[in-house]
PDB file of N, CA and C in Angstrom:
ATOM      1  N   MET A   1    -102.972 -54.137  51.019  1.00  0.00           N
ATOM      2  CA  MET A   1    -102.582 -52.958  50.280  1.00  0.00           C
ATOM      3  C   MET A   1    -101.768 -53.388  49.063  1.00  0.00           C
ATOM      4  N   TYR A   2    -101.877 -52.599  48.015  1.00  0.00           N
ATOM      5  CA  TYR A   2    -101.098 -52.889  46.815  1.00  0.00           C
ATOM      6  C   TYR A   2     -99.663 -52.433  47.014  1.00  0.00           C
ATOM      7  N   VAL A   3     -98.738 -53.321  46.698  1.00  0.00           N
ATOM      8  CA  VAL A   3     -97.312 -53.017  46.765  1.00  0.00           C
ATOM      9  C   VAL A   3     -96.797 -52.750  45.359  1.00  0.00           C
ATOM     10  N   CYS A   4     -97.196 -53.570  44.420  1.00  0.00           N
ATOM     11  CA  CYS A   4     -96.789 -53.434  43.021  1.00  0.00           C
ATOM     12  C   CYS A   4     -98.032 -53.103  42.198  1.00  0.00           C
ATOM     13  N   ILE A   5     -98.137 -51.849  41.798  1.00  0.00           N
ATOM     14  CA  ILE A   5     -99.285 -51.411  41.022  1.00  0.00           C
ATOM     15  C   ILE A   5     -99.237 -52.003  39.605  1.00  0.00           C
ATOM     16  N   CYS A   6     -98.052 -52.097  39.034  1.00  0.00           N
ATOM     17  CA  CYS A   6     -97.915 -52.602  37.658  1.00  0.00           C
ATOM     18  C   CYS A   6     -98.517 -53.996  37.498  1.00  0.00           C
ATOM     19  N   ASN A   7     -98.334 -54.843  38.510  1.00  0.00           N
ATOM     20  CA  ASN A   7     -98.784 -56.234  38.406  1.00  0.00           C
ATOM     21  C   ASN A   7     -99.833 -56.599  39.446  1.00  0.00           C
ATOM     22  N   ALA A   8    -100.404 -55.597  40.119  1.00  0.00           N
ATOM     23  CA  ALA A   8    -101.482 -55.792  41.102  1.00  0.00           C
ATOM     24  C   ALA A   8    -101.108 -56.798  42.186  1.00  0.00           C
ATOM     25  N   VAL A   9     -99.900 -56.655  42.732  1.00  0.00           N
ATOM     26  CA  VAL A   9     -99.428 -57.542  43.790  1.00  0.00           C
ATOM     27  C   VAL A   9     -99.670 -56.868  45.142  1.00  0.00           C
ATOM     28  N   THR A  10    -100.314 -57.603  46.041  1.00  0.00           N
ATOM     29  CA  THR A  10    -100.639 -57.065  47.356  1.00  0.00           C
ATOM     30  C   THR A  10     -99.681 -57.588  48.420  1.00  0.00           C
ATOM     31  N   ASP A  11     -99.755 -56.984  49.604  1.00  0.00           N
ATOM     32  CA  ASP A  11     -98.945 -57.445  50.721  1.00  0.00           C
ATOM     33  C   ASP A  11     -99.305 -58.883  51.107  1.00  0.00           C
ATOM     34  N   LYS A  12    -100.576 -59.250  50.972  1.00  0.00           N
ATOM     35  CA  LYS A  12    -100.990 -60.628  51.268  1.00  0.00           C
ATOM     36  C   LYS A  12    -100.330 -61.612  50.319  1.00  0.00           C
ATOM     37  N   MET A  13    -100.213 -61.215  49.065  1.00  0.00           N
ATOM     38  CA  MET A  13     -99.576 -62.085  48.079  1.00  0.00           C
ATOM     39  C   MET A  13     -98.093 -62.259  48.386  1.00  0.00           C
ATOM     40  N   ILE A  14     -97.453 -61.203  48.877  1.00  0.00           N
ATOM     41  CA  ILE A  14     -96.037 -61.289  49.235  1.00  0.00           C
ATOM     42  C   ILE A  14     -95.860 -62.219  50.433  1.00  0.00           C
ATOM     43  N   ARG A  15     -96.737 -62.098  51.441  1.00  0.00           N
ATOM     44  CA  ARG A  15     -96.650 -62.990  52.602  1.00  0.00           C
ATOM     45  C   ARG A  15     -96.907 -64.439  52.192  1.00  0.00           C
ATOM     46  N   ALA A  16     -97.850 -64.653  51.278  1.00  0.00           N
ATOM     47  CA  ALA A  16     -98.133 -66.012  50.800  1.00  0.00           C
ATOM     48  C   ALA A  16     -96.937 -66.583  50.045  1.00  0.00           C
ATOM     49  N   ALA A  17     -96.285 -65.756  49.243  1.00  0.00           N
ATOM     50  CA  ALA A  17     -95.092 -66.212  48.519  1.00  0.00           C
ATOM     51  C   ALA A  17     -93.976 -66.558  49.495  1.00  0.00           C
ATOM     52  N   ALA A  18     -93.818 -65.759  50.547  1.00  0.00           N
ATOM     53  CA  ALA A  18     -92.805 -66.046  51.571  1.00  0.00           C
ATOM     54  C   ALA A  18     -93.111 -67.373  52.238  1.00  0.00           C
ATOM     55  N   ALA A  19     -94.371 -67.610  52.560  1.00  0.00           N
ATOM     56  CA  ALA A  19     -94.772 -68.871  53.188  1.00  0.00           C
ATOM     57  C   ALA A  19     -94.549 -70.056  52.249  1.00  0.00           C
ATOM     58  N   ALA A  20     -94.626 -69.799  50.949  1.00  0.00           N
ATOM     59  CA  ALA A  20     -94.419 -70.850  49.952  1.00  0.00           C
ATOM     60  C   ALA A  20     -92.950 -71.055  49.615  1.00  0.00           C
ATOM     61  N   GLY A  21     -92.066 -70.261  50.254  1.00  0.00           N
ATOM     62  CA  GLY A  21     -90.633 -70.487  50.064  1.00  0.00           C
ATOM     63  C   GLY A  21     -89.859 -69.388  49.378  1.00  0.00           C
ATOM     64  N   ALA A  22     -90.501 -68.322  48.957  1.00  0.00           N
ATOM     65  CA  ALA A  22     -89.756 -67.217  48.327  1.00  0.00           C
ATOM     66  C   ALA A  22     -88.783 -66.627  49.335  1.00  0.00           C
ATOM     67  N   SER A  23     -87.539 -66.441  48.923  1.00  0.00           N
ATOM     68  CA  SER A  23     -86.538 -65.900  49.842  1.00  0.00           C
ATOM     69  C   SER A  23     -85.737 -64.758  49.240  1.00  0.00           C
ATOM     70  N   SER A  24     -86.053 -64.395  48.008  1.00  0.00           N
ATOM     71  CA  SER A  24     -85.346 -63.298  47.351  1.00  0.00           C
ATOM     72  C   SER A  24     -86.315 -62.530  46.452  1.00  0.00           C
ATOM     73  N   LEU A  25     -85.888 -61.376  46.034  1.00  0.00           N
ATOM     74  CA  LEU A  25     -86.711 -60.583  45.120  1.00  0.00           C
ATOM     75  C   LEU A  25     -86.925 -61.324  43.803  1.00  0.00           C
ATOM     76  N   ASP A  26     -85.930 -62.064  43.352  1.00  0.00           N
ATOM     77  CA  ASP A  26     -86.086 -62.868  42.127  1.00  0.00           C
ATOM     78  C   ASP A  26     -87.183 -63.915  42.309  1.00  0.00           C
ATOM     79  N   ASP A  27     -87.182 -64.588  43.469  1.00  0.00           N
ATOM     80  CA  ASP A  27     -88.234 -65.568  43.758  1.00  0.00           C
ATOM     81  C   ASP A  27     -89.598 -64.890  43.749  1.00  0.00           C
ATOM     82  N   LEU A  28     -89.662 -63.728  44.398  1.00  0.00           N
ATOM     83  CA  LEU A  28     -90.917 -62.998  44.492  1.00  0.00           C
ATOM     84  C   LEU A  28     -91.421 -62.590  43.105  1.00  0.00           C
ATOM     85  N   GLU A  29     -90.520 -62.152  42.256  1.00  0.00           N
ATOM     86  CA  GLU A  29     -90.908 -61.772  40.892  1.00  0.00           C
ATOM     87  C   GLU A  29     -91.412 -62.981  40.117  1.00  0.00           C
ATOM     88  N   ARG A  30     -90.727 -64.109  40.260  1.00  0.00           N
ATOM     89  CA  ARG A  30     -91.136 -65.333  39.568  1.00  0.00           C
ATOM     90  C   ARG A  30     -92.518 -65.806  40.031  1.00  0.00           C
ATOM     91  N   MET A  31     -92.766 -65.695  41.340  1.00  0.00           N
ATOM     92  CA  MET A  31     -94.008 -66.233  41.905  1.00  0.00           C
ATOM     93  C   MET A  31     -95.204 -65.290  41.779  1.00  0.00           C
ATOM     94  N   THR A  32     -94.968 -63.979  41.778  1.00  0.00           N
ATOM     95  CA  THR A  32     -96.079 -63.024  41.800  1.00  0.00           C
ATOM     96  C   THR A  32     -96.043 -62.002  40.676  1.00  0.00           C
ATOM     97  N   GLY A  33     -94.896 -61.802  40.058  1.00  0.00           N
ATOM     98  CA  GLY A  33     -94.741 -60.746  39.070  1.00  0.00           C
ATOM     99  C   GLY A  33     -94.294 -59.430  39.693  1.00  0.00           C
ATOM    100  N   CYS A  34     -94.230 -59.380  41.007  1.00  0.00           N
ATOM    101  CA  CYS A  34     -93.851 -58.157  41.723  1.00  0.00           C
ATOM    102  C   CYS A  34     -92.474 -57.673  41.281  1.00  0.00           C
ATOM    103  N   ALA A  35     -92.349 -56.383  41.053  1.00  0.00           N
ATOM    104  CA  ALA A  35     -91.102 -55.728  40.649  1.00  0.00           C
ATOM    105  C   ALA A  35     -90.684 -56.094  39.226  1.00  0.00           C
ATOM    106  N   GLY A  36     -91.583 -56.691  38.479  1.00  0.00           N
ATOM    107  CA  GLY A  36     -91.271 -57.065  37.107  1.00  0.00           C
ATOM    108  C   GLY A  36     -91.617 -55.994  36.094  1.00  0.00           C
ATOM    109  N   GLY A  37     -92.249 -54.918  36.557  1.00  0.00           N
ATOM    110  CA  GLY A  37     -92.617 -53.829  35.651  1.00  0.00           C
ATOM    111  C   GLY A  37     -91.611 -52.706  35.777  1.00  0.00           C
ATOM    112  N   CYS A  38     -92.025 -51.612  36.384  1.00  0.00           N
ATOM    113  CA  CYS A  38     -91.153 -50.438  36.489  1.00  0.00           C
ATOM    114  C   CYS A  38     -90.087 -50.599  37.569  1.00  0.00           C
ATOM    115  N   GLY A  39     -90.351 -51.469  38.561  1.00  0.00           N
ATOM    116  CA  GLY A  39     -89.357 -51.733  39.597  1.00  0.00           C
ATOM    117  C   GLY A  39     -89.376 -50.773  40.771  1.00  0.00           C
ATOM    118  N   SER A  40     -90.276 -49.798  40.765  1.00  0.00           N
ATOM    119  CA  SER A  40     -90.276 -48.821  41.862  1.00  0.00           C
ATOM    120  C   SER A  40     -90.708 -49.432  43.190  1.00  0.00           C
ATOM    121  N   CYS A  41     -91.313 -50.609  43.161  1.00  0.00           N
ATOM    122  CA  CYS A  41     -91.759 -51.273  44.382  1.00  0.00           C
ATOM    123  C   CYS A  41     -90.718 -52.228  44.959  1.00  0.00           C
ATOM    124  N   ALA A  42     -89.612 -52.411  44.282  1.00  0.00           N
ATOM    125  CA  ALA A  42     -88.647 -53.446  44.651  1.00  0.00           C
ATOM    126  C   ALA A  42     -88.161 -53.329  46.093  1.00  0.00           C
ATOM    127  N   ASP A  43     -87.800 -52.140  46.547  1.00  0.00           N
ATOM    128  CA  ASP A  43     -87.289 -51.990  47.910  1.00  0.00           C
ATOM    129  C   ASP A  43     -88.337 -52.369  48.944  1.00  0.00           C
ATOM    130  N   LEU A  44     -89.556 -51.865  48.781  1.00  0.00           N
ATOM    131  CA  LEU A  44     -90.625 -52.175  49.722  1.00  0.00           C
ATOM    132  C   LEU A  44     -90.976 -53.650  49.672  1.00  0.00           C
ATOM    133  N   ALA A  45     -91.066 -54.214  48.486  1.00  0.00           N
ATOM    134  CA  ALA A  45     -91.410 -55.624  48.340  1.00  0.00           C
ATOM    135  C   ALA A  45     -90.363 -56.510  49.009  1.00  0.00           C
ATOM    136  N   GLU A  46     -89.101 -56.189  48.824  1.00  0.00           N
ATOM    137  CA  GLU A  46     -88.031 -56.977  49.436  1.00  0.00           C
ATOM    138  C   GLU A  46     -88.068 -56.852  50.960  1.00  0.00           C
ATOM    139  N   GLU A  47     -88.321 -55.655  51.450  1.00  0.00           N
ATOM    140  CA  GLU A  47     -88.432 -55.443  52.893  1.00  0.00           C
ATOM    141  C   GLU A  47     -89.602 -56.255  53.463  1.00  0.00           C
ATOM    142  N   MET A  48     -90.730 -56.237  52.776  1.00  0.00           N
ATOM    143  CA  MET A  48     -91.889 -57.009  53.232  1.00  0.00           C
ATOM    144  C   MET A  48     -91.616 -58.503  53.187  1.00  0.00           C
ATOM    145  N   LEU A  49     -90.940 -58.951  52.154  1.00  0.00           N
ATOM    146  CA  LEU A  49     -90.603 -60.366  52.021  1.00  0.00           C
ATOM    147  C   LEU A  49     -89.729 -60.822  53.172  1.00  0.00           C
ATOM    148  N   HIS A  50     -88.683 -60.061  53.479  1.00  0.00           N
ATOM    149  CA  HIS A  50     -87.780 -60.453  54.559  1.00  0.00           C
ATOM    150  C   HIS A  50     -88.471 -60.361  55.912  1.00  0.00           C
ATOM    151  N   GLY A  51     -89.364 -59.398  56.078  1.00  0.00           N
ATOM    152  CA  GLY A  51     -90.137 -59.299  57.307  1.00  0.00           C
ATOM    153  C   GLY A  51     -91.062 -60.492  57.488  1.00  0.00           C
ATOM    154  N   ALA A  52     -91.628 -60.970  56.400  1.00  0.00           N
ATOM    155  CA  ALA A  52     -92.536 -62.116  56.455  1.00  0.00           C
ATOM    156  C   ALA A  52     -91.788 -63.405  56.731  1.00  0.00           C
ATOM    157  N   ARG A  53     -90.511 -63.456  56.394  1.00  0.00           N
ATOM    158  CA  ARG A  53     -89.727 -64.679  56.594  1.00  0.00           C
ATOM    159  C   ARG A  53     -89.082 -64.770  57.966  1.00  0.00           C
ATOM    160  N   LYS A  54     -89.123 -63.684  58.738  1.00  0.00           N
ATOM    161  CA  LYS A  54     -88.541 -63.730  60.077  1.00  0.00           C
ATOM    162  C   LYS A  54     -89.359 -64.677  60.944  1.00  0.00           C
ATOM    163  N   PRO A  55     -88.671 -65.493  61.749  1.00  0.00           N
ATOM    164  CA  PRO A  55     -89.416 -66.396  62.629  1.00  0.00           C
ATOM    165  C   PRO A  55     -90.248 -65.598  63.629  1.00  0.00           C
ATOM    166  N   GLN A  56     -91.470 -66.044  63.813  1.00  0.00           N
ATOM    167  CA  GLN A  56     -92.362 -65.396  64.763  1.00  0.00           C
ATOM    168  C   GLN A  56     -92.104 -65.967  66.151  1.00  0.00           C
ATOM    169  N   PRO A  57     -92.207 -65.123  67.192  1.00  0.00           N
ATOM    170  CA  PRO A  57     -91.998 -65.628  68.543  1.00  0.00           C
ATOM    171  C   PRO A  57     -93.059 -66.664  68.888  1.00  0.00           C
ATOM    172  N   PHE A  58     -92.633 -67.695  69.575  1.00  0.00           N
ATOM    173  CA  PHE A  58     -93.524 -68.770  69.962  1.00  0.00           C
ATOM    174  C   PHE A  58     -94.274 -68.368  71.223  1.00  0.00           C
ATOM    175  N   ALA A  59     -95.576 -68.504  71.208  1.00  0.00           N
ATOM    176  CA  ALA A  59     -96.394 -68.117  72.354  1.00  0.00           C
ATOM    177  C   ALA A  59     -96.272 -69.170  73.450  1.00  0.00           C
ATOM    178  N   LEU A  60     -95.842 -68.756  74.627  1.00  0.00           N
ATOM    179  CA  LEU A  60     -95.677 -69.684  75.735  1.00  0.00           C
ATOM    180  C   LEU A  60     -97.000 -70.223  76.247  1.00  0.00           C
ATOM    181  N   ASN A  61     -98.072 -69.462  76.083  1.00  0.00           N
ATOM    182  CA  ASN A  61     -99.360 -69.953  76.568  1.00  0.00           C
ATOM    183  C   ASN A  61     -99.824 -71.184  75.802  1.00  0.00           C
ATOM    184  N   VAL A  62     -99.318 -71.422  74.606  1.00  0.00           N
ATOM    185  CA  VAL A  62     -99.647 -72.610  73.849  1.00  0.00           C
ATOM    186  C   VAL A  62     -99.112 -73.835  74.584  1.00  0.00           C
ATOM    187  N   LEU A  63     -97.909 -73.730  75.152  1.00  0.00           N
ATOM    188  CA  LEU A  63     -97.336 -74.834  75.909  1.00  0.00           C
ATOM    189  C   LEU A  63     -98.149 -75.120  77.160  1.00  0.00           C
ATOM    190  N   ALA A  64     -98.589 -74.075  77.829  1.00  0.00           N
ATOM    191  CA  ALA A  64     -99.374 -74.225  79.051  1.00  0.00           C
ATOM    192  C   ALA A  64    -100.700 -74.931  78.751  1.00  0.00           C
ATOM    193  N   GLN A  65    -101.306 -74.607  77.629  1.00  0.00           N
ATOM    194  CA  GLN A  65    -102.574 -75.228  77.256  1.00  0.00           C
ATOM    195  C   GLN A  65    -102.391 -76.686  76.885  1.00  0.00           C
ATOM    196  N   ALA A  66    -101.229 -77.012  76.343  1.00  0.00           N
ATOM    197  CA  ALA A  66    -100.970 -78.386  75.919  1.00  0.00           C
ATOM    198  C   ALA A  66    -100.690 -79.318  77.099  1.00  0.00           C
ATOM    199  N   ALA A  67    -100.262 -78.744  78.200  1.00  0.00           N
ATOM    200  CA  ALA A  67     -99.879 -79.563  79.356  1.00  0.00           C
ATOM    201  C   ALA A  67    -101.039 -80.118  80.113  1.00  0.00           C
TER     202      ALA A  67
END
């Protein structure tokens, strides 16, 4: 889905930027252009960025398969 209409930034692009090391809205703007236009997407973009940076729970079944 498009998060930033001004610069055609999608949620996938935000997750990719987070995976590449973006940790702030400034980083996100530098890497994708998000929130660099009118700024109305800034709150949602920042929320998505921080959500993408949260550590994901480790699946225990992966350990069982490795054993």
